[in-house]
């Protein structure tokens, strides 16, 4: 179980670092090749730091990590719904942004689901910090 916890933490941290890298590049002026919806770019870049934090929390405590992962999932679902609505209304949201947000949401759905499963298989004392 500790291996699964470590892998999940690593995935969250790596995903966060990639998100920060990609978002920071575009914020600094690199053209991604499609229309950038700036509020979404800022949200995703900030969330990259949250993803890294979540990875560290998951590594230390799966129960707290589960709550944080679920919170991230809900926030991403809300943003995905919002940008989908804007896209349907003709706002400057690229279909690439919808795809990328769908991937982010899917990653956190998977992380959340695995953490729920992992926590259901553990004893309550196993979730102490450092376990």
N, C-alpha and C. Protein backbone atom coordinates (compact mmCIF):
# COMPACT_ATOMS: atom_id res chain seq x y z
N UNK A 1 0.82 -1.21 0.00
CA UNK A 1 0.00 0.00 0.00
C UNK A 1 0.86 1.27 0.00
N UNK A 2 1.99 1.19 0.68
CA UNK A 2 2.88 2.36 0.73
C UNK A 2 3.40 2.70 -0.66
N UNK A 3 3.62 1.69 -1.50
CA UNK A 3 4.10 1.93 -2.86
C UNK A 3 3.04 2.69 -3.66
N UNK A 4 1.79 2.29 -3.52
CA UNK A 4 0.71 2.97 -4.23
C UNK A 4 0.62 4.42 -3.77
N UNK A 5 0.73 4.63 -2.47
CA UNK A 5 0.69 5.98 -1.91
C UNK A 5 1.84 6.82 -2.48
N UNK A 6 3.02 6.25 -2.54
CA UNK A 6 4.19 6.98 -3.06
C UNK A 6 4.02 7.29 -4.55
N UNK A 7 3.51 6.34 -5.31
CA UNK A 7 3.29 6.57 -6.75
C UNK A 7 2.25 7.68 -6.95
N UNK A 8 1.14 7.64 -6.19
CA UNK A 8 0.12 8.69 -6.31
C UNK A 8 0.71 10.06 -5.98
N UNK A 9 1.50 10.11 -4.92
CA UNK A 9 2.12 11.38 -4.55
C UNK A 9 3.03 11.87 -5.66
N UNK A 10 3.81 10.95 -6.23
CA UNK A 10 4.70 11.31 -7.33
C UNK A 10 3.96 11.80 -8.55
N UNK A 11 2.86 11.14 -8.88
CA UNK A 11 2.04 11.56 -10.03
C UNK A 11 1.50 12.97 -9.79
N UNK A 12 0.97 13.22 -8.60
CA UNK A 12 0.41 14.54 -8.29
C UNK A 12 1.49 15.62 -8.36
N UNK A 13 2.65 15.33 -7.79
CA UNK A 13 3.74 16.32 -7.80
C UNK A 13 4.23 16.57 -9.23
N UNK A 14 4.46 15.51 -9.98
CA UNK A 14 4.92 15.67 -11.36
C UNK A 14 3.88 16.41 -12.21
N UNK A 15 2.62 16.05 -12.05
CA UNK A 15 1.55 16.72 -12.79
C UNK A 15 1.50 18.20 -12.43
N UNK A 16 1.69 18.50 -11.14
CA UNK A 16 1.71 19.90 -10.70
C UNK A 16 2.88 20.67 -11.30
N UNK A 17 4.05 20.05 -11.29
CA UNK A 17 5.23 20.73 -11.84
C UNK A 17 5.07 20.98 -13.34
N UNK A 18 4.53 20.00 -14.06
CA UNK A 18 4.29 20.19 -15.49
C UNK A 18 3.27 21.30 -15.73
N UNK A 19 2.24 21.36 -14.89
CA UNK A 19 1.22 22.40 -15.02
C UNK A 19 1.83 23.78 -14.76
N UNK A 20 2.65 23.89 -13.74
CA UNK A 20 3.32 25.16 -13.43
C UNK A 20 4.23 25.57 -14.60
N UNK A 21 5.00 24.62 -15.10
CA UNK A 21 5.91 24.90 -16.22
C UNK A 21 5.15 25.40 -17.44
N UNK A 22 4.11 24.66 -17.82
CA UNK A 22 3.34 25.03 -19.02
C UNK A 22 2.65 26.38 -18.84
N UNK A 23 2.02 26.57 -17.71
CA UNK A 23 1.31 27.82 -17.45
C UNK A 23 2.24 29.01 -17.38
N UNK A 24 3.37 28.83 -16.72
CA UNK A 24 4.34 29.93 -16.58
C UNK A 24 4.90 30.35 -17.93
N UNK A 25 5.16 29.37 -18.78
CA UNK A 25 5.68 29.69 -20.12
C UNK A 25 4.70 30.58 -20.89
N UNK A 26 3.42 30.22 -20.86
CA UNK A 26 2.43 31.00 -21.60
C UNK A 26 2.26 32.37 -20.94
N UNK A 27 2.28 32.42 -19.61
CA UNK A 27 2.18 33.71 -18.93
C UNK A 27 3.35 34.62 -19.27
N UNK A 28 4.50 34.03 -19.59
CA UNK A 28 5.67 34.82 -19.95
C UNK A 28 5.73 35.14 -21.43
N UNK A 29 4.72 34.72 -22.20
CA UNK A 29 4.65 35.15 -23.58
C UNK A 29 4.83 34.08 -24.65
N UNK A 30 5.08 32.85 -24.28
CA UNK A 30 5.22 31.79 -25.28
C UNK A 30 3.83 31.48 -25.85
N UNK A 31 3.73 31.46 -27.16
CA UNK A 31 2.46 31.19 -27.84
C UNK A 31 2.19 29.69 -27.88
N UNK A 32 1.09 29.22 -27.26
CA UNK A 32 0.80 27.79 -27.26
C UNK A 32 0.20 27.29 -28.58
N UNK A 33 -0.15 28.22 -29.48
CA UNK A 33 -0.69 27.83 -30.77
C UNK A 33 -2.21 27.83 -30.82
N UNK A 34 -2.84 28.33 -29.81
CA UNK A 34 -4.30 28.45 -29.78
C UNK A 34 -4.68 29.64 -28.91
N UNK A 35 -5.93 30.04 -28.98
CA UNK A 35 -6.41 31.19 -28.20
C UNK A 35 -6.34 30.85 -26.72
N UNK A 36 -5.74 31.73 -25.95
CA UNK A 36 -5.60 31.51 -24.51
C UNK A 36 -6.69 32.28 -23.78
N UNK A 37 -7.45 31.57 -22.98
CA UNK A 37 -8.45 32.19 -22.10
C UNK A 37 -7.74 32.47 -20.79
N UNK A 38 -7.31 33.72 -20.63
CA UNK A 38 -6.40 34.10 -19.54
C UNK A 38 -6.88 33.69 -18.14
N UNK A 39 -8.16 33.85 -17.79
CA UNK A 39 -8.57 33.40 -16.45
C UNK A 39 -8.31 31.91 -16.23
N UNK A 40 -8.51 31.10 -17.25
CA UNK A 40 -8.25 29.66 -17.14
C UNK A 40 -6.75 29.41 -17.00
N UNK A 41 -5.95 30.12 -17.73
CA UNK A 41 -4.49 29.98 -17.65
C UNK A 41 -4.01 30.29 -16.23
N UNK A 42 -4.51 31.37 -15.67
CA UNK A 42 -4.11 31.76 -14.30
C UNK A 42 -4.58 30.71 -13.30
N UNK A 43 -5.83 30.26 -13.43
CA UNK A 43 -6.36 29.22 -12.55
C UNK A 43 -5.48 27.98 -12.60
N UNK A 44 -5.19 27.50 -13.81
CA UNK A 44 -4.41 26.27 -13.94
C UNK A 44 -3.00 26.42 -13.40
N UNK A 45 -2.39 27.57 -13.60
CA UNK A 45 -1.04 27.78 -13.08
C UNK A 45 -1.04 27.77 -11.55
N UNK A 46 -1.99 28.45 -10.96
CA UNK A 46 -2.12 28.43 -9.49
C UNK A 46 -2.39 27.01 -9.01
N UNK A 47 -3.26 26.31 -9.72
CA UNK A 47 -3.59 24.94 -9.31
C UNK A 47 -2.37 24.02 -9.41
N UNK A 48 -1.43 24.33 -10.28
CA UNK A 48 -0.20 23.54 -10.34
C UNK A 48 0.49 23.50 -8.98
N UNK A 49 0.52 24.64 -8.30
CA UNK A 49 1.11 24.70 -6.96
C UNK A 49 0.27 23.89 -5.96
N UNK A 50 -1.04 23.94 -6.13
CA UNK A 50 -1.94 23.16 -5.28
C UNK A 50 -1.71 21.66 -5.52
N UNK A 51 -1.51 21.28 -6.78
CA UNK A 51 -1.26 19.87 -7.10
C UNK A 51 0.02 19.38 -6.42
N UNK A 52 1.07 20.20 -6.45
CA UNK A 52 2.32 19.82 -5.78
C UNK A 52 2.08 19.66 -4.28
N UNK A 53 1.37 20.61 -3.70
CA UNK A 53 1.04 20.53 -2.27
C UNK A 53 0.24 19.27 -1.98
N UNK A 54 -0.74 18.97 -2.84
CA UNK A 54 -1.55 17.76 -2.65
C UNK A 54 -0.67 16.52 -2.70
N UNK A 55 0.29 16.49 -3.61
CA UNK A 55 1.20 15.35 -3.69
C UNK A 55 1.98 15.16 -2.41
N UNK A 56 2.44 16.25 -1.84
CA UNK A 56 3.18 16.17 -0.57
C UNK A 56 2.27 15.68 0.55
N UNK A 57 1.04 16.16 0.56
CA UNK A 57 0.07 15.72 1.57
C UNK A 57 -0.24 14.24 1.39
N UNK A 58 -0.46 13.81 0.15
CA UNK A 58 -0.74 12.39 -0.13
C UNK A 58 0.42 11.52 0.36
N UNK A 59 1.63 11.97 0.14
CA UNK A 59 2.82 11.22 0.54
C UNK A 59 2.87 11.04 2.06
N UNK A 60 2.40 12.06 2.80
CA UNK A 60 2.45 12.03 4.26
C UNK A 60 1.22 11.40 4.90
N UNK A 61 0.04 11.60 4.30
CA UNK A 61 -1.20 11.19 4.96
C UNK A 61 -2.28 10.96 3.91
N UNK A 62 -2.63 9.71 3.69
CA UNK A 62 -3.58 9.41 2.61
C UNK A 62 -4.98 9.94 2.89
N UNK A 63 -5.39 9.99 4.14
CA UNK A 63 -6.74 10.47 4.44
C UNK A 63 -6.85 11.96 4.11
N UNK A 64 -5.91 12.74 4.57
CA UNK A 64 -5.93 14.18 4.25
C UNK A 64 -5.73 14.39 2.75
N UNK A 65 -4.87 13.58 2.15
CA UNK A 65 -4.65 13.66 0.71
C UNK A 65 -5.92 13.37 -0.07
N UNK A 66 -6.71 12.42 0.43
CA UNK A 66 -7.98 12.08 -0.21
C UNK A 66 -8.93 13.29 -0.21
N UNK A 67 -9.01 13.97 0.92
CA UNK A 67 -9.88 15.15 1.00
C UNK A 67 -9.40 16.26 0.07
N UNK A 68 -8.10 16.47 0.03
CA UNK A 68 -7.55 17.50 -0.84
C UNK A 68 -7.74 17.13 -2.32
N UNK A 69 -7.51 15.87 -2.65
CA UNK A 69 -7.69 15.42 -4.04
C UNK A 69 -9.15 15.58 -4.46
N UNK A 70 -10.07 15.25 -3.57
CA UNK A 70 -11.49 15.39 -3.89
C UNK A 70 -11.85 16.87 -4.08
N UNK A 71 -11.29 17.74 -3.25
CA UNK A 71 -11.53 19.18 -3.40
C UNK A 71 -11.02 19.67 -4.75
N UNK A 72 -9.83 19.23 -5.13
CA UNK A 72 -9.27 19.60 -6.44
C UNK A 72 -10.18 19.09 -7.55
N UNK A 73 -10.64 17.86 -7.44
CA UNK A 73 -11.54 17.28 -8.44
C UNK A 73 -12.79 18.14 -8.59
N UNK A 74 -13.41 18.52 -7.49
CA UNK A 74 -14.64 19.32 -7.55
C UNK A 74 -14.36 20.68 -8.18
N UNK A 75 -13.27 21.33 -7.77
CA UNK A 75 -12.93 22.63 -8.36
C UNK A 75 -12.71 22.50 -9.87
N UNK A 76 -11.97 21.47 -10.28
CA UNK A 76 -11.72 21.27 -11.71
C UNK A 76 -13.00 20.97 -12.47
N UNK A 77 -13.90 20.19 -11.87
CA UNK A 77 -15.19 19.92 -12.51
C UNK A 77 -16.00 21.21 -12.70
N UNK A 78 -15.99 22.06 -11.67
CA UNK A 78 -16.70 23.33 -11.78
C UNK A 78 -16.11 24.21 -12.88
N UNK A 79 -14.80 24.28 -12.93
CA UNK A 79 -14.14 25.09 -13.97
C UNK A 79 -14.40 24.49 -15.34
N UNK A 80 -14.31 23.17 -15.45
CA UNK A 80 -14.59 22.51 -16.73
C UNK A 80 -16.01 22.82 -17.18
N UNK A 81 -16.97 22.73 -16.28
CA UNK A 81 -18.35 23.07 -16.63
C UNK A 81 -18.48 24.52 -17.05
N UNK A 82 -17.78 25.40 -16.35
CA UNK A 82 -17.83 26.83 -16.69
C UNK A 82 -17.24 27.14 -18.05
N UNK A 83 -16.08 26.56 -18.34
CA UNK A 83 -15.48 26.86 -19.65
C UNK A 83 -16.23 26.17 -20.78
N UNK A 84 -16.85 25.02 -20.49
CA UNK A 84 -17.68 24.38 -21.51
C UNK A 84 -18.87 25.28 -21.84
N UNK A 85 -19.49 25.84 -20.81
CA UNK A 85 -20.61 26.76 -21.02
C UNK A 85 -20.14 27.97 -21.85
N UNK A 86 -19.01 28.56 -21.49
CA UNK A 86 -18.49 29.71 -22.23
C UNK A 86 -18.18 29.34 -23.68
N UNK A 87 -17.61 28.16 -23.87
CA UNK A 87 -17.30 27.68 -25.22
C UNK A 87 -18.58 27.57 -26.05
N UNK A 88 -19.62 27.02 -25.46
CA UNK A 88 -20.91 26.87 -26.15
C UNK A 88 -21.53 28.23 -26.49
N UNK A 89 -21.22 29.24 -25.69
CA UNK A 89 -21.76 30.58 -25.91
C UNK A 89 -20.92 31.40 -26.88
N UNK A 90 -19.83 30.81 -27.38
CA UNK A 90 -19.00 31.51 -28.36
C UNK A 90 -17.89 32.35 -27.76
N UNK A 91 -17.63 32.19 -26.48
CA UNK A 91 -16.53 32.93 -25.84
C UNK A 91 -15.19 32.40 -26.34
N UNK A 92 -14.13 33.19 -26.15
CA UNK A 92 -12.82 32.78 -26.67
C UNK A 92 -12.15 31.68 -25.84
N UNK A 93 -12.78 30.53 -25.80
CA UNK A 93 -12.22 29.36 -25.13
C UNK A 93 -11.92 28.34 -26.22
N UNK A 94 -10.66 27.94 -26.32
CA UNK A 94 -10.25 26.99 -27.35
C UNK A 94 -10.68 25.58 -26.97
N UNK A 95 -10.97 24.77 -27.96
CA UNK A 95 -11.30 23.37 -27.72
C UNK A 95 -10.12 22.67 -27.05
N UNK A 96 -8.89 23.13 -27.33
CA UNK A 96 -7.71 22.58 -26.67
C UNK A 96 -7.76 22.81 -25.16
N UNK A 97 -8.31 23.94 -24.76
CA UNK A 97 -8.47 24.23 -23.33
C UNK A 97 -9.47 23.27 -22.70
N UNK A 98 -10.54 22.97 -23.41
CA UNK A 98 -11.51 22.00 -22.91
C UNK A 98 -10.88 20.62 -22.77
N UNK A 99 -10.10 20.24 -23.75
CA UNK A 99 -9.43 18.93 -23.69
C UNK A 99 -8.45 18.87 -22.52
N UNK A 100 -7.65 19.91 -22.37
CA UNK A 100 -6.66 19.93 -21.29
C UNK A 100 -7.33 19.92 -19.92
N UNK A 101 -8.42 20.67 -19.78
CA UNK A 101 -9.13 20.69 -18.51
C UNK A 101 -9.79 19.35 -18.24
N UNK A 102 -10.22 18.68 -19.30
CA UNK A 102 -10.80 17.34 -19.14
C UNK A 102 -9.74 16.35 -18.66
N UNK A 103 -8.53 16.47 -19.19
CA UNK A 103 -7.43 15.60 -18.74
C UNK A 103 -7.13 15.88 -17.27
N UNK A 104 -7.02 17.15 -16.90
CA UNK A 104 -6.75 17.49 -15.50
C UNK A 104 -7.82 16.91 -14.58
N UNK A 105 -9.06 17.06 -14.99
CA UNK A 105 -10.17 16.55 -14.19
C UNK A 105 -10.10 15.03 -14.10
N UNK A 106 -9.79 14.37 -15.20
CA UNK A 106 -9.68 12.92 -15.21
C UNK A 106 -8.55 12.41 -14.32
N UNK A 107 -7.43 13.10 -14.34
CA UNK A 107 -6.30 12.72 -13.49
C UNK A 107 -6.71 12.79 -12.03
N UNK A 108 -7.40 13.86 -11.65
CA UNK A 108 -7.78 14.00 -10.24
C UNK A 108 -8.95 13.09 -9.87
N UNK A 109 -9.76 12.72 -10.83
CA UNK A 109 -10.78 11.71 -10.58
C UNK A 109 -10.09 10.37 -10.25
N UNK A 110 -9.09 10.01 -11.04
CA UNK A 110 -8.36 8.77 -10.80
C UNK A 110 -7.63 8.80 -9.46
N UNK A 111 -6.93 9.88 -9.18
CA UNK A 111 -6.20 10.00 -7.91
C UNK A 111 -7.18 9.90 -6.74
N UNK A 112 -8.30 10.61 -6.84
CA UNK A 112 -9.30 10.57 -5.76
C UNK A 112 -9.84 9.17 -5.57
N UNK A 113 -10.18 8.51 -6.67
CA UNK A 113 -10.73 7.16 -6.58
C UNK A 113 -9.76 6.18 -5.97
N UNK A 114 -8.51 6.27 -6.36
CA UNK A 114 -7.50 5.36 -5.80
C UNK A 114 -7.29 5.65 -4.32
N UNK A 115 -7.32 6.91 -3.94
CA UNK A 115 -7.16 7.25 -2.52
C UNK A 115 -8.34 6.77 -1.70
N UNK A 116 -9.55 6.85 -2.24
CA UNK A 116 -10.72 6.31 -1.53
C UNK A 116 -10.52 4.82 -1.32
N UNK A 117 -10.12 4.12 -2.38
CA UNK A 117 -9.89 2.68 -2.29
C UNK A 117 -8.78 2.37 -1.28
N UNK A 118 -7.69 3.12 -1.35
CA UNK A 118 -6.55 2.91 -0.47
C UNK A 118 -6.96 3.11 0.99
N UNK A 119 -7.71 4.17 1.26
CA UNK A 119 -8.13 4.45 2.63
C UNK A 119 -9.13 3.42 3.14
N UNK A 120 -9.92 2.84 2.26
CA UNK A 120 -10.90 1.84 2.70
C UNK A 120 -10.21 0.54 3.11
N UNK A 121 -8.98 0.33 2.67
CA UNK A 121 -8.24 -0.90 2.96
C UNK A 121 -7.30 -0.75 4.15
N UNK A 122 -7.19 0.43 4.69
CA UNK A 122 -6.24 0.69 5.78
C UNK A 122 -6.95 0.73 7.12
N UNK A 123 -6.17 0.47 8.15
CA UNK A 123 -6.65 0.69 9.51
C UNK A 123 -6.58 2.17 9.80
N UNK A 124 -7.47 2.71 10.66
CA UNK A 124 -7.42 4.14 10.97
C UNK A 124 -6.05 4.60 11.48
N UNK A 125 -5.35 3.75 12.21
CA UNK A 125 -4.03 4.15 12.74
C UNK A 125 -2.98 4.27 11.66
N UNK A 126 -3.22 3.66 10.49
CA UNK A 126 -2.25 3.74 9.39
C UNK A 126 -2.19 5.11 8.74
N UNK A 127 -3.16 5.97 9.01
CA UNK A 127 -3.22 7.26 8.36
C UNK A 127 -2.53 8.37 9.14
N UNK A 128 -1.85 8.02 10.20
CA UNK A 128 -1.12 9.02 10.95
C UNK A 128 -0.02 9.60 10.07
N UNK A 129 0.40 10.81 10.40
CA UNK A 129 1.45 11.47 9.62
C UNK A 129 2.70 10.58 9.61
N UNK A 130 3.22 10.37 8.42
CA UNK A 130 4.41 9.55 8.26
C UNK A 130 4.11 8.12 7.90
N UNK A 131 2.83 7.73 7.90
CA UNK A 131 2.45 6.36 7.53
C UNK A 131 1.80 6.33 6.18
